[in-house]
Amino acid sequence: MRNSSIGLRRALTTAAAATVMAASAAVATAPAHAASPGELVIRGGIECHFGQKGQTWDNLWYQVRWMTVVNVGGTTMRNVNLQEVGGPRVTVAELKPGKSMSKWNTKTRRWQRPIETRWPGCVPTSISGYTWADTYEDLGNNFGYWSSNIDRPANPRIPAPPAGSMGSTGS
């Protein structure tokens, strides 16, 4: 009986000591404020612009396709690449948290995007691409696709084909 009470006392003393050591270590150690990892997000779009009175004909009606990358994470991403599918690739040495590959051009007073295509007129088109860097990160938002469509409402004067038909005359 005496041996079991000594063993129980030793176990309780060891458990109490371990609890005190863990609690003191938690109190003595300041909370770690590690930055969240870098996180790249691809952004893009297709814009149709109509010129203003007095502009030259080439600026009368034009379309711009563009893509860029933003680091929405908490650490700097190194060797960031932006690749248009079937098009150019742009690389920057580093992209700091909250920064974009796009730069504000004070002369033209507009954003200069790393991948940008412009041509006269506004026609249905698309642009797609992907991004990556040296650091592993979530790849779910590293691919993008944008398209422009010209939607035309159905002509109300043309009757719809009967339900279940393919619209053919069956001849």
N, C-alpha and C. Protein backbone atom coordinates (compact mmCIF):
# COMPACT_ATOMS: atom_id res chain seq x y z
N MET A 1 0.81 -1.18 0.00
CA MET A 1 0.00 0.00 0.00
C MET A 1 0.86 1.24 0.00
N ARG A 2 1.93 1.20 0.76
CA ARG A 2 2.83 2.34 0.85
C ARG A 2 3.47 2.61 -0.50
N ASN A 3 3.86 1.59 -1.25
CA ASN A 3 4.50 1.76 -2.55
C ASN A 3 3.55 2.39 -3.56
N SER A 4 2.28 2.03 -3.51
CA SER A 4 1.33 2.59 -4.48
C SER A 4 1.06 4.06 -4.18
N SER A 5 1.06 4.47 -2.91
CA SER A 5 0.84 5.88 -2.60
C SER A 5 2.06 6.71 -2.98
N ILE A 6 3.27 6.12 -2.87
CA ILE A 6 4.49 6.83 -3.29
C ILE A 6 4.46 7.00 -4.81
N GLY A 7 4.06 5.96 -5.53
CA GLY A 7 3.97 6.04 -6.99
C GLY A 7 2.93 7.05 -7.43
N LEU A 8 1.82 7.10 -6.69
CA LEU A 8 0.77 8.05 -7.02
C LEU A 8 1.24 9.47 -6.78
N ARG A 9 1.98 9.68 -5.64
CA ARG A 9 2.52 11.00 -5.34
C ARG A 9 3.53 11.43 -6.40
N ARG A 10 4.37 10.52 -6.82
CA ARG A 10 5.35 10.84 -7.87
C ARG A 10 4.65 11.22 -9.17
N ALA A 11 3.63 10.49 -9.55
CA ALA A 11 2.90 10.78 -10.79
C ALA A 11 2.22 12.14 -10.71
N LEU A 12 1.60 12.43 -9.55
CA LEU A 12 0.94 13.73 -9.39
C LEU A 12 1.96 14.86 -9.39
N THR A 13 3.11 14.65 -8.73
CA THR A 13 4.16 15.68 -8.70
C THR A 13 4.70 15.92 -10.10
N THR A 14 4.91 14.86 -10.87
CA THR A 14 5.41 14.99 -12.24
C THR A 14 4.41 15.72 -13.11
N ALA A 15 3.13 15.36 -12.98
CA ALA A 15 2.09 16.02 -13.77
C ALA A 15 1.98 17.49 -13.41
N ALA A 16 2.06 17.80 -12.10
CA ALA A 16 1.99 19.20 -11.66
C ALA A 16 3.18 20.00 -12.18
N ALA A 17 4.38 19.39 -12.12
CA ALA A 17 5.57 20.08 -12.60
C ALA A 17 5.47 20.33 -14.10
N ALA A 18 4.99 19.34 -14.84
CA ALA A 18 4.85 19.50 -16.29
C ALA A 18 3.83 20.60 -16.62
N THR A 19 2.76 20.66 -15.86
CA THR A 19 1.74 21.69 -16.09
C THR A 19 2.29 23.07 -15.80
N VAL A 20 3.04 23.20 -14.67
CA VAL A 20 3.64 24.50 -14.32
C VAL A 20 4.65 24.92 -15.38
N MET A 21 5.47 24.00 -15.86
CA MET A 21 6.47 24.33 -16.88
C MET A 21 5.79 24.75 -18.19
N ALA A 22 4.75 24.05 -18.58
CA ALA A 22 4.05 24.40 -19.82
C ALA A 22 3.38 25.77 -19.70
N ALA A 23 2.76 26.03 -18.54
CA ALA A 23 2.09 27.31 -18.34
C ALA A 23 3.10 28.45 -18.31
N SER A 24 4.23 28.24 -17.65
CA SER A 24 5.24 29.32 -17.58
C SER A 24 5.87 29.55 -18.95
N ALA A 25 6.04 28.51 -19.73
CA ALA A 25 6.59 28.67 -21.07
C ALA A 25 5.62 29.44 -21.95
N ALA A 26 4.33 29.18 -21.80
CA ALA A 26 3.32 29.88 -22.60
C ALA A 26 3.25 31.35 -22.22
N VAL A 27 3.39 31.65 -20.93
CA VAL A 27 3.34 33.03 -20.47
C VAL A 27 4.62 33.77 -20.85
N ALA A 28 5.76 33.11 -20.72
CA ALA A 28 7.04 33.76 -20.97
C ALA A 28 7.28 34.00 -22.45
N THR A 29 6.72 33.18 -23.30
CA THR A 29 6.95 33.32 -24.74
C THR A 29 5.93 34.27 -25.32
N ALA A 30 6.41 35.29 -26.01
CA ALA A 30 5.50 36.22 -26.67
C ALA A 30 4.84 35.51 -27.85
N PRO A 31 3.62 35.88 -28.16
CA PRO A 31 2.95 35.24 -29.30
C PRO A 31 3.70 35.53 -30.59
N ALA A 32 3.83 34.53 -31.42
CA ALA A 32 4.53 34.69 -32.70
C ALA A 32 3.63 35.42 -33.68
N HIS A 33 4.16 36.42 -34.31
CA HIS A 33 3.42 37.18 -35.31
C HIS A 33 4.04 36.93 -36.68
N ALA A 34 4.03 35.69 -37.08
CA ALA A 34 4.57 35.35 -38.38
C ALA A 34 3.64 35.87 -39.47
N ALA A 35 4.22 36.40 -40.52
CA ALA A 35 3.42 36.90 -41.64
C ALA A 35 2.77 35.73 -42.35
N SER A 36 1.59 35.97 -42.86
CA SER A 36 0.93 34.92 -43.63
C SER A 36 1.72 34.70 -44.92
N PRO A 37 1.65 33.53 -45.48
CA PRO A 37 2.43 33.26 -46.69
C PRO A 37 1.94 34.10 -47.86
N GLY A 38 2.80 34.23 -48.86
CA GLY A 38 2.42 34.94 -50.08
C GLY A 38 1.29 34.22 -50.79
N GLU A 39 0.47 34.97 -51.48
CA GLU A 39 -0.66 34.39 -52.19
C GLU A 39 -0.90 35.21 -53.46
N LEU A 40 -0.71 34.60 -54.61
CA LEU A 40 -0.89 35.29 -55.88
C LEU A 40 -2.33 35.12 -56.37
N VAL A 41 -2.89 36.19 -56.91
CA VAL A 41 -4.21 36.16 -57.51
C VAL A 41 -4.09 36.80 -58.88
N ILE A 42 -4.57 36.10 -59.90
CA ILE A 42 -4.55 36.64 -61.26
C ILE A 42 -5.82 37.45 -61.49
N ARG A 43 -5.67 38.58 -62.15
CA ARG A 43 -6.82 39.43 -62.47
C ARG A 43 -6.72 39.83 -63.93
N GLY A 44 -7.84 40.07 -64.56
CA GLY A 44 -7.84 40.45 -65.96
C GLY A 44 -9.19 40.93 -66.40
N GLY A 45 -9.27 41.24 -67.69
CA GLY A 45 -10.54 41.69 -68.22
C GLY A 45 -10.44 42.09 -69.67
N ILE A 46 -11.60 42.40 -70.21
CA ILE A 46 -11.71 42.90 -71.57
C ILE A 46 -12.58 44.13 -71.50
N GLU A 47 -12.07 45.23 -72.05
CA GLU A 47 -12.79 46.50 -71.98
C GLU A 47 -13.01 47.04 -73.38
N CYS A 48 -14.17 47.60 -73.61
CA CYS A 48 -14.48 48.25 -74.88
C CYS A 48 -14.57 49.75 -74.59
N HIS A 49 -13.81 50.54 -75.32
CA HIS A 49 -13.77 51.99 -75.09
C HIS A 49 -14.29 52.73 -76.32
N PHE A 50 -15.08 53.74 -76.06
CA PHE A 50 -15.57 54.60 -77.13
C PHE A 50 -14.90 55.96 -76.98
N GLY A 51 -14.32 56.45 -78.06
CA GLY A 51 -13.58 57.71 -78.03
C GLY A 51 -14.49 58.91 -77.82
N GLN A 52 -13.86 60.01 -77.51
CA GLN A 52 -14.58 61.25 -77.28
C GLN A 52 -14.47 62.14 -78.52
N LYS A 53 -15.31 63.10 -78.60
CA LYS A 53 -15.31 64.05 -79.72
C LYS A 53 -13.93 64.70 -79.84
N GLY A 54 -13.44 64.75 -81.05
CA GLY A 54 -12.14 65.39 -81.29
C GLY A 54 -10.97 64.42 -81.33
N GLN A 55 -11.19 63.15 -80.99
CA GLN A 55 -10.10 62.17 -81.04
C GLN A 55 -9.91 61.65 -82.47
N THR A 56 -8.74 61.10 -82.72
CA THR A 56 -8.46 60.52 -84.03
C THR A 56 -9.28 59.25 -84.24
N TRP A 57 -9.42 58.82 -85.49
CA TRP A 57 -10.24 57.66 -85.82
C TRP A 57 -9.76 56.39 -85.14
N ASP A 58 -8.46 56.22 -84.96
CA ASP A 58 -7.97 54.99 -84.33
C ASP A 58 -8.33 54.92 -82.84
N ASN A 59 -8.72 56.03 -82.25
CA ASN A 59 -9.16 56.03 -80.86
C ASN A 59 -10.68 56.12 -80.72
N LEU A 60 -11.38 56.07 -81.86
CA LEU A 60 -12.82 56.22 -81.81
C LEU A 60 -13.50 55.05 -81.11
N TRP A 61 -13.03 53.82 -81.38
CA TRP A 61 -13.66 52.63 -80.82
C TRP A 61 -12.59 51.56 -80.75
N TYR A 62 -12.20 51.15 -79.56
CA TYR A 62 -11.14 50.16 -79.42
C TYR A 62 -11.37 49.26 -78.22
N GLN A 63 -10.68 48.14 -78.23
CA GLN A 63 -10.82 47.12 -77.21
C GLN A 63 -9.47 46.84 -76.56
N VAL A 64 -9.47 46.57 -75.27
CA VAL A 64 -8.24 46.25 -74.54
C VAL A 64 -8.46 44.94 -73.78
N ARG A 65 -7.56 43.98 -73.99
CA ARG A 65 -7.53 42.73 -73.22
C ARG A 65 -6.33 42.84 -72.29
N TRP A 66 -6.49 42.48 -71.03
CA TRP A 66 -5.37 42.64 -70.10
C TRP A 66 -5.40 41.60 -68.98
N MET A 67 -4.20 41.38 -68.40
CA MET A 67 -4.04 40.52 -67.21
C MET A 67 -2.94 41.10 -66.33
N THR A 68 -3.08 40.86 -65.04
CA THR A 68 -2.06 41.25 -64.08
C THR A 68 -2.11 40.27 -62.91
N VAL A 69 -1.17 40.43 -61.97
CA VAL A 69 -1.09 39.57 -60.78
C VAL A 69 -0.98 40.47 -59.56
N VAL A 70 -1.68 40.09 -58.47
CA VAL A 70 -1.62 40.81 -57.20
C VAL A 70 -1.20 39.82 -56.12
N ASN A 71 -0.29 40.24 -55.24
CA ASN A 71 0.11 39.43 -54.09
C ASN A 71 -0.80 39.83 -52.94
N VAL A 72 -1.79 38.99 -52.63
CA VAL A 72 -2.73 39.29 -51.54
C VAL A 72 -2.29 38.64 -50.23
N GLY A 73 -1.14 37.98 -50.23
CA GLY A 73 -0.63 37.34 -49.03
C GLY A 73 0.20 38.28 -48.17
N GLY A 74 0.88 37.72 -47.18
CA GLY A 74 1.61 38.53 -46.22
C GLY A 74 3.12 38.57 -46.39
N THR A 75 3.67 37.82 -47.35
CA THR A 75 5.11 37.82 -47.56
C THR A 75 5.42 38.10 -49.02
N THR A 76 6.64 38.54 -49.26
CA THR A 76 7.09 38.85 -50.62
C THR A 76 7.23 37.56 -51.43
N MET A 77 6.71 37.58 -52.64
CA MET A 77 6.84 36.44 -53.56
C MET A 77 7.96 36.77 -54.55
N ARG A 78 8.83 35.81 -54.79
CA ARG A 78 9.99 36.02 -55.67
C ARG A 78 9.80 35.28 -56.99
N ASN A 79 10.39 35.86 -58.04
CA ASN A 79 10.32 35.29 -59.40
C ASN A 79 8.88 34.98 -59.80
N VAL A 80 8.06 36.01 -59.81
CA VAL A 80 6.65 35.88 -60.15
C VAL A 80 6.50 35.92 -61.67
N ASN A 81 5.80 34.93 -62.22
CA ASN A 81 5.58 34.83 -63.66
C ASN A 81 4.10 34.97 -63.97
N LEU A 82 3.81 35.66 -65.07
CA LEU A 82 2.46 35.76 -65.60
C LEU A 82 2.54 35.32 -67.05
N GLN A 83 1.78 34.30 -67.41
CA GLN A 83 1.84 33.71 -68.75
C GLN A 83 0.46 33.76 -69.39
N GLU A 84 0.36 34.42 -70.55
CA GLU A 84 -0.87 34.35 -71.33
C GLU A 84 -0.85 33.05 -72.12
N VAL A 85 -1.96 32.32 -72.13
CA VAL A 85 -2.03 31.09 -72.89
C VAL A 85 -1.88 31.45 -74.37
N GLY A 86 -0.85 30.91 -75.00
CA GLY A 86 -0.58 31.20 -76.41
C GLY A 86 -0.04 32.60 -76.65
N GLY A 87 0.50 33.24 -75.62
CA GLY A 87 0.97 34.62 -75.75
C GLY A 87 2.22 34.88 -74.94
N PRO A 88 2.46 36.14 -74.62
CA PRO A 88 3.70 36.51 -73.92
C PRO A 88 3.74 36.08 -72.46
N ARG A 89 4.97 36.08 -71.92
CA ARG A 89 5.20 35.80 -70.50
C ARG A 89 5.97 36.97 -69.91
N VAL A 90 5.57 37.40 -68.71
CA VAL A 90 6.22 38.50 -68.01
C VAL A 90 6.69 37.97 -66.66
N THR A 91 7.92 38.33 -66.26
CA THR A 91 8.48 37.91 -64.97
C THR A 91 8.96 39.14 -64.21
N VAL A 92 8.66 39.19 -62.91
CA VAL A 92 9.21 40.22 -62.04
C VAL A 92 10.00 39.52 -60.94
N ALA A 93 11.09 40.16 -60.50
CA ALA A 93 11.97 39.56 -59.50
C ALA A 93 11.26 39.35 -58.17
N GLU A 94 10.43 40.31 -57.74
CA GLU A 94 9.69 40.15 -56.49
C GLU A 94 8.42 40.96 -56.53
N LEU A 95 7.43 40.47 -55.78
CA LEU A 95 6.15 41.15 -55.67
C LEU A 95 5.81 41.20 -54.18
N LYS A 96 5.86 42.40 -53.62
CA LYS A 96 5.63 42.59 -52.19
C LYS A 96 4.15 42.44 -51.84
N PRO A 97 3.84 42.17 -50.57
CA PRO A 97 2.44 42.01 -50.15
C PRO A 97 1.60 43.24 -50.50
N GLY A 98 0.44 43.00 -51.05
CA GLY A 98 -0.47 44.08 -51.41
C GLY A 98 -0.14 44.78 -52.72
N LYS A 99 0.92 44.39 -53.38
CA LYS A 99 1.34 45.05 -54.62
C LYS A 99 0.91 44.25 -55.84
N SER A 100 0.86 44.95 -56.96
CA SER A 100 0.44 44.38 -58.23
C SER A 100 1.56 44.51 -59.25
N MET A 101 1.50 43.67 -60.29
CA MET A 101 2.44 43.82 -61.40
C MET A 101 2.11 45.06 -62.22
N SER A 102 0.89 45.58 -62.12
CA SER A 102 0.49 46.78 -62.85
C SER A 102 1.13 48.01 -62.22
N LYS A 103 1.43 48.99 -63.05
CA LYS A 103 2.03 50.24 -62.58
C LYS A 103 1.22 51.43 -63.09
N TRP A 104 1.10 52.46 -62.26
CA TRP A 104 0.39 53.67 -62.66
C TRP A 104 1.32 54.52 -63.51
N ASN A 105 0.89 54.88 -64.71
CA ASN A 105 1.66 55.73 -65.62
C ASN A 105 1.15 57.15 -65.46
N THR A 106 1.98 58.02 -64.91
CA THR A 106 1.55 59.40 -64.66
C THR A 106 1.40 60.20 -65.95
N LYS A 107 2.17 59.87 -66.99
CA LYS A 107 2.05 60.59 -68.26
C LYS A 107 0.70 60.34 -68.92
N THR A 108 0.33 59.07 -69.03
CA THR A 108 -0.94 58.72 -69.70
C THR A 108 -2.11 58.69 -68.72
N ARG A 109 -1.82 58.78 -67.44
CA ARG A 109 -2.82 58.75 -66.36
C ARG A 109 -3.70 57.51 -66.46
N ARG A 110 -3.04 56.35 -66.55
CA ARG A 110 -3.76 55.09 -66.58
C ARG A 110 -2.84 53.98 -66.11
N TRP A 111 -3.43 52.85 -65.75
CA TRP A 111 -2.66 51.69 -65.32
C TRP A 111 -2.02 51.01 -66.52
N GLN A 112 -0.74 50.70 -66.41
CA GLN A 112 -0.02 49.92 -67.42
C GLN A 112 0.00 48.49 -66.90
N ARG A 113 -0.64 47.59 -67.62
CA ARG A 113 -0.69 46.20 -67.19
C ARG A 113 0.43 45.42 -67.85
N PRO A 114 0.94 44.39 -67.18
CA PRO A 114 2.07 43.64 -67.74
C PRO A 114 1.72 42.92 -69.04
N ILE A 115 0.50 42.44 -69.17
CA ILE A 115 0.05 41.84 -70.43
C ILE A 115 -1.18 42.62 -70.86
N GLU A 116 -1.06 43.25 -72.03
CA GLU A 116 -2.13 44.11 -72.51
C GLU A 116 -2.12 44.11 -74.03
N THR A 117 -3.28 43.92 -74.64
CA THR A 117 -3.41 43.93 -76.09
C THR A 117 -4.53 44.91 -76.44
N ARG A 118 -4.30 45.72 -77.47
CA ARG A 118 -5.30 46.71 -77.88
C ARG A 118 -5.47 46.65 -79.39
N TRP A 119 -6.73 46.73 -79.84
CA TRP A 119 -6.99 46.83 -81.28
C TRP A 119 -8.29 47.57 -81.53
N PRO A 120 -8.46 48.10 -82.75
CA PRO A 120 -9.67 48.86 -83.08
C PRO A 120 -10.91 47.97 -83.07
N GLY A 121 -12.03 48.56 -82.70
CA GLY A 121 -13.30 47.85 -82.70
C GLY A 121 -13.50 47.03 -81.44
N CYS A 122 -14.73 46.59 -81.24
CA CYS A 122 -15.07 45.74 -80.10
C CYS A 122 -15.76 44.50 -80.63
N VAL A 123 -15.07 43.40 -80.59
CA VAL A 123 -15.59 42.14 -81.10
C VAL A 123 -15.50 41.10 -79.99
N PRO A 124 -16.31 40.04 -80.06
CA PRO A 124 -16.18 38.99 -79.04
C PRO A 124 -14.77 38.41 -79.03
N THR A 125 -14.19 38.32 -77.87
CA THR A 125 -12.83 37.80 -77.73
C THR A 125 -12.66 37.24 -76.33
N SER A 126 -11.49 36.70 -76.06
CA SER A 126 -11.19 36.19 -74.73
C SER A 126 -9.70 36.32 -74.45
N ILE A 127 -9.35 36.18 -73.18
CA ILE A 127 -7.95 36.15 -72.76
C ILE A 127 -7.87 35.20 -71.57
N SER A 128 -6.82 34.41 -71.53
CA SER A 128 -6.65 33.49 -70.40
C SER A 128 -5.17 33.38 -70.09
N GLY A 129 -4.87 33.01 -68.86
CA GLY A 129 -3.48 32.88 -68.45
C GLY A 129 -3.37 32.30 -67.06
N TYR A 130 -2.13 32.20 -66.61
CA TYR A 130 -1.86 31.64 -65.29
C TYR A 130 -0.61 32.29 -64.72
N THR A 131 -0.42 32.13 -63.40
CA THR A 131 0.71 32.73 -62.70
C THR A 131 1.31 31.72 -61.74
N TRP A 132 2.60 31.91 -61.45
CA TRP A 132 3.30 31.08 -60.47
C TRP A 132 4.54 31.83 -60.00
N ALA A 133 5.12 31.35 -58.91
CA ALA A 133 6.33 31.95 -58.34
C ALA A 133 7.17 30.85 -57.72
N ASP A 134 8.30 31.24 -57.07
CA ASP A 134 9.20 30.27 -56.45
C ASP A 134 8.60 29.61 -55.21
N THR A 135 7.69 30.30 -54.53
CA THR A 135 7.14 29.81 -53.27
C THR A 135 5.86 29.03 -53.52
N TYR A 136 5.73 27.90 -52.82
CA TYR A 136 4.51 27.11 -52.92
C TYR A 136 3.36 27.89 -52.33
N GLU A 137 2.22 27.88 -52.98
CA GLU A 137 1.02 28.55 -52.48
C GLU A 137 -0.21 27.91 -53.11
N ASP A 138 -1.38 28.34 -52.66
CA ASP A 138 -2.64 27.80 -53.17
C ASP A 138 -2.76 28.14 -54.66
N LEU A 139 -2.92 27.13 -55.50
CA LEU A 139 -2.98 27.34 -56.94
C LEU A 139 -4.40 27.54 -57.45
N GLY A 140 -5.38 27.51 -56.56
CA GLY A 140 -6.78 27.61 -56.97
C GLY A 140 -7.14 28.91 -57.64
N ASN A 141 -6.43 29.99 -57.37
CA ASN A 141 -6.74 31.29 -57.97
C ASN A 141 -5.62 31.78 -58.89
N ASN A 142 -4.84 30.84 -59.42
CA ASN A 142 -3.71 31.21 -60.27
C ASN A 142 -3.99 31.05 -61.76
N PHE A 143 -5.22 30.69 -62.13
CA PHE A 143 -5.60 30.59 -63.53
C PHE A 143 -6.81 31.47 -63.74
N GLY A 144 -6.83 32.21 -64.86
CA GLY A 144 -7.96 33.08 -65.12
C GLY A 144 -8.39 33.03 -66.57
N TYR A 145 -9.66 33.26 -66.80
CA TYR A 145 -10.23 33.31 -68.15
C TYR A 145 -11.28 34.41 -68.18
N TRP A 146 -11.20 35.29 -69.17
CA TRP A 146 -12.17 36.37 -69.34
C TRP A 146 -12.60 36.39 -70.79
N SER A 147 -13.86 36.67 -71.02
CA SER A 147 -14.36 36.75 -72.40
C SER A 147 -15.37 37.88 -72.51
N SER A 148 -15.51 38.36 -73.73
CA SER A 148 -16.54 39.35 -74.02
C SER A 148 -17.49 38.71 -75.02
N ASN A 149 -18.74 38.91 -74.80
CA ASN A 149 -19.76 38.36 -75.69
C ASN A 149 -20.68 39.49 -76.11
N ILE A 150 -21.17 39.38 -77.31
CA ILE A 150 -22.17 40.33 -77.77
C ILE A 150 -23.49 39.56 -77.75
N ASP A 151 -24.33 39.88 -76.80
CA ASP A 151 -25.62 39.20 -76.67
C ASP A 151 -26.66 39.93 -77.50
N ARG A 152 -27.31 39.20 -78.33
CA ARG A 152 -28.38 39.76 -79.15
C ARG A 152 -29.69 39.12 -78.70
N PRO A 153 -30.69 39.92 -78.36
CA PRO A 153 -31.97 39.32 -77.96
C PRO A 153 -32.61 38.63 -79.16
N ALA A 154 -33.41 37.62 -78.87
CA ALA A 154 -34.10 36.89 -79.92
C ALA A 154 -35.04 37.84 -80.66
N ASN A 155 -35.16 37.63 -81.97
CA ASN A 155 -36.06 38.45 -82.78
C ASN A 155 -37.49 37.99 -82.50
N PRO A 156 -38.32 38.85 -81.94
CA PRO A 156 -39.67 38.41 -81.57
C PRO A 156 -40.54 38.09 -82.79
N ARG A 157 -40.15 38.50 -83.99
CA ARG A 157 -40.95 38.24 -85.18
C ARG A 157 -40.71 36.85 -85.76
N ILE A 158 -39.67 36.16 -85.31
CA ILE A 158 -39.38 34.81 -85.79
C ILE A 158 -39.91 33.83 -84.77
N PRO A 159 -40.84 32.92 -85.17
CA PRO A 159 -41.40 31.99 -84.20
C PRO A 159 -40.35 30.98 -83.72
N ALA A 160 -40.47 30.59 -82.47
CA ALA A 160 -39.56 29.59 -81.90
C ALA A 160 -39.90 28.22 -82.47
N PRO A 161 -38.90 27.32 -82.62
CA PRO A 161 -39.21 25.97 -83.11
C PRO A 161 -40.06 25.23 -82.08
N PRO A 162 -40.86 24.27 -82.53
CA PRO A 162 -41.70 23.51 -81.60
C PRO A 162 -40.85 22.80 -80.55
N ALA A 163 -41.41 22.61 -79.38
CA ALA A 163 -40.69 21.95 -78.28
C ALA A 163 -40.29 20.55 -78.72
N GLY A 164 -39.07 20.17 -78.43
CA GLY A 164 -38.57 18.83 -78.75
C GLY A 164 -37.97 18.72 -80.13
N SER A 165 -38.11 19.75 -80.97
CA SER A 165 -37.51 19.66 -82.31
C SER A 165 -36.16 20.34 -82.31
N MET A 166 -35.38 20.03 -83.28
CA MET A 166 -34.06 20.63 -83.43
C MET A 166 -34.12 21.83 -84.37
N GLY A 167 -35.31 22.23 -84.75
CA GLY A 167 -35.45 23.39 -85.61
C GLY A 167 -35.36 23.03 -87.10
N SER A 168 -35.27 21.76 -87.45
CA SER A 168 -35.18 21.38 -88.86
C SER A 168 -36.59 21.16 -89.42
N THR A 169 -36.69 21.16 -90.73
CA THR A 169 -38.00 20.97 -91.38
C THR A 169 -38.30 19.51 -91.58
N GLY A 170 -37.35 18.64 -91.41
CA GLY A 170 -37.58 17.21 -91.53
C GLY A 170 -37.79 16.71 -92.95
N SER A 171 -37.28 17.39 -93.96
CA SER A 171 -37.49 16.98 -95.33
C SER A 171 -36.63 15.85 -95.77
